[in-house]
Amino acid sequence: MAILKKNAFSRRIPDLVTEELVAVLSRRASFEFKELFDIVHENLRARNAASGGEEMLRLRAYEKLQNLVARGAVKKNGKKYKGLPSALAHAIAPHNGHIPAAAR
């Protein structure tokens, strides 16, 4: 029987960009992307985690935001984005198959 080897890298935890997006969108306010990115970028710079250039970070943040929209954690209305708090909590929860002690 052949053993399948997984060569692709898989991240099990959310990255810093997603964490900052979730933190900002949890404020119950609507943001346009430019305004949202400015806040996320400042927060990442404060954490010394904004590497790779601003344009690359903008592209990554937009991609992460669209993933959150596709998963139903963020609602898009025109050009405004608004986080849904209960769904955002699940968006950053670890997906490794373990059930948290509080949920048992």
PDB file of N, CA and C in Angstrom:
ATOM      1  N   MET A   1       0.844  -1.169   0.000  1.00  0.00           N
ATOM      2  CA  MET A   1       0.000   0.000   0.000  1.00  0.00           C
ATOM      3  C   MET A   1       0.895   1.239   0.000  1.00  0.00           C
ATOM      4  N   ALA A   2       0.612   2.171  -0.875  1.00  0.00           N
ATOM      5  CA  ALA A   2       1.407   3.396  -0.996  1.00  0.00           C
ATOM      6  C   ALA A   2       1.069   4.369   0.129  1.00  0.00           C
ATOM      7  N   ILE A   3       2.079   5.021   0.607  1.00  0.00           N
ATOM      8  CA  ILE A   3       1.884   6.032   1.638  1.00  0.00           C
ATOM      9  C   ILE A   3       1.814   7.393   0.953  1.00  0.00           C
ATOM     10  N   LEU A   4       0.727   8.108   1.225  1.00  0.00           N
ATOM     11  CA  LEU A   4       0.573   9.432   0.646  1.00  0.00           C
ATOM     12  C   LEU A   4       1.298  10.456   1.509  1.00  0.00           C
ATOM     13  N   LYS A   5       2.085  11.258   0.869  1.00  0.00           N
ATOM     14  CA  LYS A   5       2.841  12.283   1.578  1.00  0.00           C
ATOM     15  C   LYS A   5       2.254  13.648   1.238  1.00  0.00           C
ATOM     16  N   LYS A   6       1.976  14.410   2.269  1.00  0.00           N
ATOM     17  CA  LYS A   6       1.422  15.736   2.064  1.00  0.00           C
ATOM     18  C   LYS A   6       2.575  16.739   1.990  1.00  0.00           C
ATOM     19  N   ASN A   7       2.757  17.340   0.834  1.00  0.00           N
ATOM     20  CA  ASN A   7       3.844  18.286   0.637  1.00  0.00           C
ATOM     21  C   ASN A   7       3.447  19.729   0.905  1.00  0.00           C
ATOM     22  N   ALA A   8       2.167  20.021   0.878  1.00  0.00           N
ATOM     23  CA  ALA A   8       1.710  21.403   1.040  1.00  0.00           C
ATOM     24  C   ALA A   8       1.725  21.809   2.512  1.00  0.00           C
ATOM     25  N   PHE A   9       2.081  23.054   2.730  1.00  0.00           N
ATOM     26  CA  PHE A   9       2.084  23.603   4.083  1.00  0.00           C
ATOM     27  C   PHE A   9       0.662  23.999   4.447  1.00  0.00           C
ATOM     28  N   SER A  10       0.242  23.630   5.635  1.00  0.00           N
ATOM     29  CA  SER A  10      -1.108  23.940   6.081  1.00  0.00           C
ATOM     30  C   SER A  10      -1.050  24.689   7.397  1.00  0.00           C
ATOM     31  N   ARG A  11      -1.638  25.866   7.439  1.00  0.00           N
ATOM     32  CA  ARG A  11      -1.701  26.650   8.668  1.00  0.00           C
ATOM     33  C   ARG A  11      -2.959  26.292   9.406  1.00  0.00           C
ATOM     34  N   ARG A  12      -2.839  25.989  10.659  1.00  0.00           N
ATOM     35  CA  ARG A  12      -3.989  25.616  11.460  1.00  0.00           C
ATOM     36  C   ARG A  12      -4.546  26.784  12.270  1.00  0.00           C
ATOM     37  N   ILE A  13      -3.782  27.839  12.379  1.00  0.00           N
ATOM     38  CA  ILE A  13      -4.241  28.991  13.151  1.00  0.00           C
ATOM     39  C   ILE A  13      -4.381  30.194  12.225  1.00  0.00           C
ATOM     40  N   PRO A  14      -5.256  31.127  12.554  1.00  0.00           N
ATOM     41  CA  PRO A  14      -5.381  32.324  11.713  1.00  0.00           C
ATOM     42  C   PRO A  14      -4.094  33.154  11.766  1.00  0.00           C
ATOM     43  N   ASP A  15      -3.805  33.824  10.691  1.00  0.00           N
ATOM     44  CA  ASP A  15      -2.615  34.654  10.670  1.00  0.00           C
ATOM     45  C   ASP A  15      -2.919  36.022  11.279  1.00  0.00           C
ATOM     46  N   LEU A  16      -1.911  36.851  11.398  1.00  0.00           N
ATOM     47  CA  LEU A  16      -2.053  38.146  12.049  1.00  0.00           C
ATOM     48  C   LEU A  16      -2.980  39.078  11.279  1.00  0.00           C
ATOM     49  N   VAL A  17      -2.973  39.008   9.953  1.00  0.00           N
ATOM     50  CA  VAL A  17      -3.846  39.867   9.156  1.00  0.00           C
ATOM     51  C   VAL A  17      -5.305  39.526   9.438  1.00  0.00           C
ATOM     52  N   THR A  18      -5.632  38.244   9.467  1.00  0.00           N
ATOM     53  CA  THR A  18      -7.001  37.829   9.763  1.00  0.00           C
ATOM     54  C   THR A  18      -7.393  38.221  11.180  1.00  0.00           C
ATOM     55  N   GLU A  19      -6.484  38.051  12.122  1.00  0.00           N
ATOM     56  CA  GLU A  19      -6.781  38.438  13.506  1.00  0.00           C
ATOM     57  C   GLU A  19      -7.098  39.923  13.607  1.00  0.00           C
ATOM     58  N   GLU A  20      -6.325  40.754  12.933  1.00  0.00           N
ATOM     59  CA  GLU A  20      -6.570  42.199  12.981  1.00  0.00           C
ATOM     60  C   GLU A  20      -7.870  42.560  12.267  1.00  0.00           C
ATOM     61  N   LEU A  21      -8.148  41.920  11.134  1.00  0.00           N
ATOM     62  CA  LEU A  21      -9.416  42.170  10.442  1.00  0.00           C
ATOM     63  C   LEU A  21     -10.595  41.835  11.344  1.00  0.00           C
ATOM     64  N   VAL A  22     -10.523  40.692  12.013  1.00  0.00           N
ATOM     65  CA  VAL A  22     -11.604  40.269  12.908  1.00  0.00           C
ATOM     66  C   VAL A  22     -11.738  41.240  14.078  1.00  0.00           C
ATOM     67  N   ALA A  23     -10.615  41.686  14.628  1.00  0.00           N
ATOM     68  CA  ALA A  23     -10.652  42.619  15.757  1.00  0.00           C
ATOM     69  C   ALA A  23     -11.319  43.930  15.362  1.00  0.00           C
ATOM     70  N   VAL A  24     -10.980  44.448  14.194  1.00  0.00           N
ATOM     71  CA  VAL A  24     -11.557  45.722  13.750  1.00  0.00           C
ATOM     72  C   VAL A  24     -13.030  45.548  13.379  1.00  0.00           C
ATOM     73  N   LEU A  25     -13.356  44.471  12.685  1.00  0.00           N
ATOM     74  CA  LEU A  25     -14.740  44.264  12.250  1.00  0.00           C
ATOM     75  C   LEU A  25     -15.669  43.883  13.396  1.00  0.00           C
ATOM     76  N   SER A  26     -15.125  43.509  14.536  1.00  0.00           N
ATOM     77  CA  SER A  26     -15.950  43.167  15.698  1.00  0.00           C
ATOM     78  C   SER A  26     -16.491  44.406  16.414  1.00  0.00           C
ATOM     79  N   ARG A  27     -16.126  45.576  15.960  1.00  0.00           N
ATOM     80  CA  ARG A  27     -16.547  46.824  16.603  1.00  0.00           C
ATOM     81  C   ARG A  27     -17.988  47.224  16.295  1.00  0.00           C
ATOM     82  N   ARG A  28     -18.699  46.441  15.523  1.00  0.00           N
ATOM     83  CA  ARG A  28     -20.091  46.706  15.142  1.00  0.00           C
ATOM     84  C   ARG A  28     -20.252  47.978  14.307  1.00  0.00           C
ATOM     85  N   ALA A  29     -19.243  48.321  13.548  1.00  0.00           N
ATOM     86  CA  ALA A  29     -19.311  49.464  12.652  1.00  0.00           C
ATOM     87  C   ALA A  29     -19.063  48.977  11.231  1.00  0.00           C
ATOM     88  N   SER A  30     -19.523  49.755  10.262  1.00  0.00           N
ATOM     89  CA  SER A  30     -19.290  49.436   8.860  1.00  0.00           C
ATOM     90  C   SER A  30     -18.080  50.212   8.370  1.00  0.00           C
ATOM     91  N   PHE A  31     -17.289  49.573   7.541  1.00  0.00           N
ATOM     92  CA  PHE A  31     -16.076  50.189   7.015  1.00  0.00           C
ATOM     93  C   PHE A  31     -15.988  49.970   5.521  1.00  0.00           C
ATOM     94  N   GLU A  32     -15.489  50.978   4.796  1.00  0.00           N
ATOM     95  CA  GLU A  32     -15.075  50.757   3.422  1.00  0.00           C
ATOM     96  C   GLU A  32     -13.683  50.142   3.497  1.00  0.00           C
ATOM     97  N   PHE A  33     -13.247  49.484   2.422  1.00  0.00           N
ATOM     98  CA  PHE A  33     -11.983  48.751   2.496  1.00  0.00           C
ATOM     99  C   PHE A  33     -10.797  49.665   2.789  1.00  0.00           C
ATOM    100  N   LYS A  34     -10.753  50.834   2.163  1.00  0.00           N
ATOM    101  CA  LYS A  34      -9.614  51.735   2.375  1.00  0.00           C
ATOM    102  C   LYS A  34      -9.489  52.112   3.848  1.00  0.00           C
ATOM    103  N   GLU A  35     -10.590  52.479   4.448  1.00  0.00           N
ATOM    104  CA  GLU A  35     -10.616  52.848   5.865  1.00  0.00           C
ATOM    105  C   GLU A  35     -10.254  51.648   6.748  1.00  0.00           C
ATOM    106  N   LEU A  36     -10.801  50.474   6.418  1.00  0.00           N
ATOM    107  CA  LEU A  36     -10.522  49.251   7.160  1.00  0.00           C
ATOM    108  C   LEU A  36      -9.045  48.891   7.066  1.00  0.00           C
ATOM    109  N   PHE A  37      -8.484  48.981   5.861  1.00  0.00           N
ATOM    110  CA  PHE A  37      -7.074  48.648   5.683  1.00  0.00           C
ATOM    111  C   PHE A  37      -6.172  49.597   6.462  1.00  0.00           C
ATOM    112  N   ASP A  38      -6.504  50.889   6.460  1.00  0.00           N
ATOM    113  CA  ASP A  38      -5.687  51.858   7.196  1.00  0.00           C
ATOM    114  C   ASP A  38      -5.605  51.496   8.681  1.00  0.00           C
ATOM    115  N   ILE A  39      -6.727  51.088   9.263  1.00  0.00           N
ATOM    116  CA  ILE A  39      -6.750  50.707  10.676  1.00  0.00           C
ATOM    117  C   ILE A  39      -5.948  49.428  10.905  1.00  0.00           C
ATOM    118  N   VAL A  40      -6.168  48.439  10.054  1.00  0.00           N
ATOM    119  CA  VAL A  40      -5.454  47.162  10.176  1.00  0.00           C
ATOM    120  C   VAL A  40      -3.956  47.376   9.995  1.00  0.00           C
ATOM    121  N   HIS A  41      -3.578  48.197   9.027  1.00  0.00           N
ATOM    122  CA  HIS A  41      -2.160  48.459   8.773  1.00  0.00           C
ATOM    123  C   HIS A  41      -1.508  49.138   9.970  1.00  0.00           C
ATOM    124  N   GLU A  42      -2.168  50.121  10.559  1.00  0.00           N
ATOM    125  CA  GLU A  42      -1.624  50.786  11.747  1.00  0.00           C
ATOM    126  C   GLU A  42      -1.474  49.801  12.908  1.00  0.00           C
ATOM    127  N   ASN A  43      -2.474  48.940  13.102  1.00  0.00           N
ATOM    128  CA  ASN A  43      -2.402  47.940  14.179  1.00  0.00           C
ATOM    129  C   ASN A  43      -1.251  46.965  13.957  1.00  0.00           C
ATOM    130  N   LEU A  44      -1.059  46.539  12.718  1.00  0.00           N
ATOM    131  CA  LEU A  44       0.038  45.618  12.418  1.00  0.00           C
ATOM    132  C   LEU A  44       1.387  46.301  12.576  1.00  0.00           C
ATOM    133  N   ARG A  45       1.474  47.569  12.199  1.00  0.00           N
ATOM    134  CA  ARG A  45       2.737  48.301  12.389  1.00  0.00           C
ATOM    135  C   ARG A  45       3.043  48.462  13.872  1.00  0.00           C
ATOM    136  N   ALA A  46       2.005  48.680  14.681  1.00  0.00           N
ATOM    137  CA  ALA A  46       2.206  48.803  16.128  1.00  0.00           C
ATOM    138  C   ALA A  46       2.716  47.488  16.718  1.00  0.00           C
ATOM    139  N   ARG A  47       2.293  46.366  16.141  1.00  0.00           N
ATOM    140  CA  ARG A  47       2.742  45.051  16.604  1.00  0.00           C
ATOM    141  C   ARG A  47       4.046  44.624  15.936  1.00  0.00           C
ATOM    142  N   ASN A  48       4.590  45.482  15.069  1.00  0.00           N
ATOM    143  CA  ASN A  48       5.796  45.187  14.297  1.00  0.00           C
ATOM    144  C   ASN A  48       5.593  43.935  13.441  1.00  0.00           C
ATOM    145  N   ALA A  49       4.405  43.837  12.829  1.00  0.00           N
ATOM    146  CA  ALA A  49       4.067  42.661  12.034  1.00  0.00           C
ATOM    147  C   ALA A  49       3.693  43.021  10.602  1.00  0.00           C
ATOM    148  N   ALA A  50       3.930  44.257  10.188  1.00  0.00           N
ATOM    149  CA  ALA A  50       3.598  44.686   8.828  1.00  0.00           C
ATOM    150  C   ALA A  50       4.842  44.562   7.959  1.00  0.00           C
ATOM    151  N   SER A  51       5.044  43.392   7.412  1.00  0.00           N
ATOM    152  CA  SER A  51       6.229  43.174   6.578  1.00  0.00           C
ATOM    153  C   SER A  51       5.800  42.844   5.157  1.00  0.00           C
ATOM    154  N   GLY A  52       6.694  43.002   4.221  1.00  0.00           N
ATOM    155  CA  GLY A  52       6.406  42.640   2.844  1.00  0.00           C
ATOM    156  C   GLY A  52       5.927  43.796   1.993  1.00  0.00           C
ATOM    157  N   GLY A  53       5.858  44.987   2.527  1.00  0.00           N
ATOM    158  CA  GLY A  53       5.414  46.146   1.756  1.00  0.00           C
ATOM    159  C   GLY A  53       3.921  46.380   1.889  1.00  0.00           C
ATOM    160  N   GLU A  54       3.558  47.639   1.784  1.00  0.00           N
ATOM    161  CA  GLU A  54       2.156  48.023   1.992  1.00  0.00           C
ATOM    162  C   GLU A  54       1.228  47.467   0.920  1.00  0.00           C
ATOM    163  N   GLU A  55       1.656  47.485  -0.339  1.00  0.00           N
ATOM    164  CA  GLU A  55       0.783  46.993  -1.414  1.00  0.00           C
ATOM    165  C   GLU A  55       0.534  45.492  -1.295  1.00  0.00           C
ATOM    166  N   MET A  56       1.569  44.747  -0.946  1.00  0.00           N
ATOM    167  CA  MET A  56       1.404  43.300  -0.764  1.00  0.00           C
ATOM    168  C   MET A  56       0.485  43.019   0.415  1.00  0.00           C
ATOM    169  N   LEU A  57       0.640  43.784   1.478  1.00  0.00           N
ATOM    170  CA  LEU A  57      -0.226  43.631   2.642  1.00  0.00           C
ATOM    171  C   LEU A  57      -1.668  43.979   2.297  1.00  0.00           C
ATOM    172  N   ARG A  58      -1.853  45.006   1.467  1.00  0.00           N
ATOM    173  CA  ARG A  58      -3.205  45.390   1.036  1.00  0.00           C
ATOM    174  C   ARG A  58      -3.869  44.250   0.261  1.00  0.00           C
ATOM    175  N   LEU A  59      -3.109  43.614  -0.625  1.00  0.00           N
ATOM    176  CA  LEU A  59      -3.646  42.485  -1.387  1.00  0.00           C
ATOM    177  C   LEU A  59      -4.003  41.311  -0.475  1.00  0.00           C
ATOM    178  N   ARG A  60      -3.126  41.022   0.484  1.00  0.00           N
ATOM    179  CA  ARG A  60      -3.397  39.926   1.422  1.00  0.00           C
ATOM    180  C   ARG A  60      -4.621  40.227   2.271  1.00  0.00           C
ATOM    181  N   ALA A  61      -4.734  41.474   2.737  1.00  0.00           N
ATOM    182  CA  ALA A  61      -5.873  41.861   3.573  1.00  0.00           C
ATOM    183  C   ALA A  61      -7.167  41.760   2.779  1.00  0.00           C
ATOM    184  N   TYR A  62      -7.152  42.189   1.505  1.00  0.00           N
ATOM    185  CA  TYR A  62      -8.355  42.104   0.669  1.00  0.00           C
ATOM    186  C   TYR A  62      -8.760  40.651   0.447  1.00  0.00           C
ATOM    187  N   GLU A  63      -7.776  39.801   0.200  1.00  0.00           N
ATOM    188  CA  GLU A  63      -8.059  38.375   0.006  1.00  0.00           C
ATOM    189  C   GLU A  63      -8.651  37.761   1.277  1.00  0.00           C
ATOM    190  N   LYS A  64      -8.076  38.076   2.426  1.00  0.00           N
ATOM    191  CA  LYS A  64      -8.585  37.552   3.700  1.00  0.00           C
ATOM    192  C   LYS A  64      -9.994  38.068   3.960  1.00  0.00           C
ATOM    193  N   LEU A  65     -10.243  39.339   3.641  1.00  0.00           N
ATOM    194  CA  LEU A  65     -11.573  39.913   3.827  1.00  0.00           C
ATOM    195  C   LEU A  65     -12.597  39.208   2.934  1.00  0.00           C
ATOM    196  N   GLN A  66     -12.239  38.947   1.695  1.00  0.00           N
ATOM    197  CA  GLN A  66     -13.165  38.249   0.789  1.00  0.00           C
ATOM    198  C   GLN A  66     -13.421  36.818   1.255  1.00  0.00           C
ATOM    199  N   ASN A  67     -12.418  36.182   1.848  1.00  0.00           N
ATOM    200  CA  ASN A  67     -12.626  34.848   2.419  1.00  0.00           C
ATOM    201  C   ASN A  67     -13.617  34.902   3.582  1.00  0.00           C
ATOM    202  N   LEU A  68     -13.511  35.944   4.413  1.00  0.00           N
ATOM    203  CA  LEU A  68     -14.459  36.101   5.527  1.00  0.00           C
ATOM    204  C   LEU A  68     -15.865  36.367   5.007  1.00  0.00           C
ATOM    205  N   VAL A  69     -15.985  37.120   3.926  1.00  0.00           N
ATOM    206  CA  VAL A  69     -17.298  37.368   3.312  1.00  0.00           C
ATOM    207  C   VAL A  69     -17.866  36.060   2.777  1.00  0.00           C
ATOM    208  N   ALA A  70     -17.044  35.271   2.101  1.00  0.00           N
ATOM    209  CA  ALA A  70     -17.501  34.001   1.525  1.00  0.00           C
ATOM    210  C   ALA A  70     -17.932  33.011   2.607  1.00  0.00           C
ATOM    211  N   ARG A  71     -17.278  33.068   3.780  1.00  0.00           N
ATOM    212  CA  ARG A  71     -17.632  32.157   4.873  1.00  0.00           C
ATOM    213  C   ARG A  71     -18.807  32.661   5.690  1.00  0.00           C
ATOM    214  N   GLY A  72     -19.294  33.868   5.391  1.00  0.00           N
ATOM    215  CA  GLY A  72     -20.457  34.398   6.082  1.00  0.00           C
ATOM    216  C   GLY A  72     -20.148  35.105   7.390  1.00  0.00           C
ATOM    217  N   ALA A  73     -18.891  35.415   7.638  1.00  0.00           N
ATOM    218  CA  ALA A  73     -18.512  36.090   8.880  1.00  0.00           C
ATOM    219  C   ALA A  73     -18.598  37.604   8.746  1.00  0.00           C
ATOM    220  N   VAL A  74     -18.598  38.079   7.498  1.00  0.00           N
ATOM    221  CA  VAL A  74     -18.663  39.513   7.223  1.00  0.00           C
ATOM    222  C   VAL A  74     -19.734  39.735   6.170  1.00  0.00           C
ATOM    223  N   LYS A  75     -20.527  40.781   6.387  1.00  0.00           N
ATOM    224  CA  LYS A  75     -21.587  41.123   5.438  1.00  0.00           C
ATOM    225  C   LYS A  75     -21.115  42.294   4.593  1.00  0.00           C
ATOM    226  N   LYS A  76     -21.272  42.166   3.274  1.00  0.00           N
ATOM    227  CA  LYS A  76     -20.882  43.230   2.364  1.00  0.00           C
ATOM    228  C   LYS A  76     -22.142  43.897   1.845  1.00  0.00           C
ATOM    229  N   ASN A  77     -22.216  45.207   2.014  1.00  0.00           N
ATOM    230  CA  ASN A  77     -23.363  45.978   1.535  1.00  0.00           C
ATOM    231  C   ASN A  77     -22.808  47.104   0.674  1.00  0.00           C
ATOM    232  N   GLY A  78     -22.827  46.914  -0.638  1.00  0.00           N
ATOM    233  CA  GLY A  78     -22.208  47.889  -1.534  1.00  0.00           C
ATOM    234  C   GLY A  78     -20.707  47.829  -1.377  1.00  0.00           C
ATOM    235  N   LYS A  79     -20.116  48.941  -0.922  1.00  0.00           N
ATOM    236  CA  LYS A  79     -18.673  48.974  -0.682  1.00  0.00           C
ATOM    237  C   LYS A  79     -18.343  48.915   0.797  1.00  0.00           C
ATOM    238  N   LYS A  80     -19.334  48.712   1.643  1.00  0.00           N
ATOM    239  CA  LYS A  80     -19.130  48.687   3.091  1.00  0.00           C
ATOM    240  C   LYS A  80     -19.113  47.252   3.592  1.00  0.00           C
ATOM    241  N   TYR A  81     -18.255  47.009   4.570  1.00  0.00           N
ATOM    242  CA  TYR A  81     -18.128  45.696   5.186  1.00  0.00           C
ATOM    243  C   TYR A  81     -18.487  45.814   6.662  1.00  0.00           C
ATOM    244  N   LYS A  82     -19.277  44.857   7.137  1.00  0.00           N
ATOM    245  CA  LYS A  82     -19.661  44.852   8.543  1.00  0.00           C
ATOM    246  C   LYS A  82     -19.515  43.431   9.069  1.00  0.00           C
ATOM    247  N   GLY A  83     -18.846  43.298  10.200  1.00  0.00           N
ATOM    248  CA  GLY A  83     -18.631  41.983  10.789  1.00  0.00           C
ATOM    249  C   GLY A  83     -19.856  41.489  11.529  1.00  0.00           C
ATOM    250  N   LEU A  84     -20.078  40.196  11.485  1.00  0.00           N
ATOM    251  CA  LEU A  84     -21.137  39.545  12.249  1.00  0.00           C
ATOM    252  C   LEU A  84     -20.459  38.871  13.436  1.00  0.00           C
ATOM    253  N   PRO A  85     -20.645  39.416  14.662  1.00  0.00           N
ATOM    254  CA  PRO A  85     -19.852  38.987  15.828  1.00  0.00           C
ATOM    255  C   PRO A  85     -19.831  37.489  16.089  1.00  0.00           C
ATOM    256  N   SER A  86     -20.975  36.823  16.020  1.00  0.00           N
ATOM    257  CA  SER A  86     -20.973  35.386  16.318  1.00  0.00           C
ATOM    258  C   SER A  86     -20.193  34.599  15.262  1.00  0.00           C
ATOM    259  N   ALA A  87     -20.326  34.993  14.014  1.00  0.00           N
ATOM    260  CA  ALA A  87     -19.604  34.307  12.938  1.00  0.00           C
ATOM    261  C   ALA A  87     -18.112  34.631  12.975  1.00  0.00           C
ATOM    262  N   LEU A  88     -17.761  35.848  13.387  1.00  0.00           N
ATOM    263  CA  LEU A  88     -16.345  36.207  13.478  1.00  0.00           C
ATOM    264  C   LEU A  88     -15.642  35.402  14.561  1.00  0.00           C
ATOM    265  N   ALA A  89     -16.361  35.107  15.643  1.00  0.00           N
ATOM    266  CA  ALA A  89     -15.771  34.294  16.711  1.00  0.00           C
ATOM    267  C   ALA A  89     -15.406  32.909  16.185  1.00  0.00           C
ATOM    268  N   HIS A  90     -16.246  32.348  15.316  1.00  0.00           N
ATOM    269  CA  HIS A  90     -15.957  31.039  14.736  1.00  0.00           C
ATOM    270  C   HIS A  90     -14.865  31.130  13.673  1.00  0.00           C
ATOM    271  N   ALA A  91     -14.700  32.295  13.053  1.00  0.00           N
ATOM    272  CA  ALA A  91     -13.708  32.454  11.984  1.00  0.00           C
ATOM    273  C   ALA A  91     -12.284  32.343  12.508  1.00  0.00           C
ATOM    274  N   ILE A  92     -12.060  32.739  13.757  1.00  0.00           N
ATOM    275  CA  ILE A  92     -10.705  32.671  14.291  1.00  0.00           C
ATOM    276  C   ILE A  92     -10.514  31.512  15.260  1.00  0.00           C
ATOM    277  N   ALA A  93     -11.578  30.732  15.493  1.00  0.00           N
ATOM    278  CA  ALA A  93     -11.468  29.571  16.369  1.00  0.00           C
ATOM    279  C   ALA A  93     -10.607  28.506  15.691  1.00  0.00           C
ATOM    280  N   PRO A  94      -9.831  27.757  16.457  1.00  0.00           N
ATOM    281  CA  PRO A  94      -9.002  26.710  15.848  1.00  0.00           C
ATOM    282  C   PRO A  94      -9.878  25.607  15.254  1.00  0.00           C
ATOM    283  N   HIS A  95      -9.496  25.146  14.078  1.00  0.00           N
ATOM    284  CA  HIS A  95     -10.263  24.099  13.382  1.00  0.00           C
ATOM    285  C   HIS A  95      -9.480  22.800  13.352  1.00  0.00           C
ATOM    286  N   ASN A  96      -8.996  22.362  14.526  1.00  0.00           N
ATOM    287  CA  ASN A  96      -8.171  21.152  14.542  1.00  0.00           C
ATOM    288  C   ASN A  96      -8.940  19.934  15.049  1.00  0.00           C
ATOM    289  N   GLY A  97     -10.246  20.041  15.165  1.00  0.00           N
ATOM    290  CA  GLY A  97     -11.048  18.897  15.561  1.00  0.00           C
ATOM    291  C   GLY A  97     -11.273  18.754  17.043  1.00  0.00           C
ATOM    292  N   HIS A  98     -10.625  19.577  17.847  1.00  0.00           N
ATOM    293  CA  HIS A  98     -10.798  19.490  19.292  1.00  0.00           C
ATOM    294  C   HIS A  98     -12.003  20.309  19.726  1.00  0.00           C
ATOM    295  N   ILE A  99     -12.734  19.794  20.697  1.00  0.00           N
ATOM    296  CA  ILE A  99     -13.890  20.500  21.235  1.00  0.00           C
ATOM    297  C   ILE A  99     -13.438  21.242  22.481  1.00  0.00           C
ATOM    298  N   PRO A 100     -13.661  22.574  22.523  1.00  0.00           N
ATOM    299  CA  PRO A 100     -13.250  23.313  23.713  1.00  0.00           C
ATOM    300  C   PRO A 100     -13.963  22.804  24.961  1.00  0.00           C
ATOM    301  N   ALA A 101     -13.336  22.938  26.108  1.00  0.00           N
ATOM    302  CA  ALA A 101     -13.906  22.441  27.369  1.00  0.00           C
ATOM    303  C   ALA A 101     -15.236  23.105  27.691  1.00  0.00           C
ATOM    304  N   ALA A 102     -15.414  24.375  27.316  1.00  0.00           N
ATOM    305  CA  ALA A 102     -16.661  25.091  27.613  1.00  0.00           C
ATOM    306  C   ALA A 102     -17.826  24.547  26.783  1.00  0.00           C
ATOM    307  N   ALA A 103     -17.553  23.937  25.638  1.00  0.00           N
ATOM    308  CA  ALA A 103     -18.614  23.446  24.774  1.00  0.00           C
ATOM    309  C   ALA A 103     -19.043  22.025  25.093  1.00  0.00           C
ATOM    310  N   ARG A 104     -18.326  21.347  25.960  1.00  0.00           N
ATOM    311  CA  ARG A 104     -18.653  19.950  26.269  1.00  0.00           C
ATOM    312  C   ARG A 104     -19.827  19.817  27.168  1.00  0.00           C
TER     313      ARG A 104
END
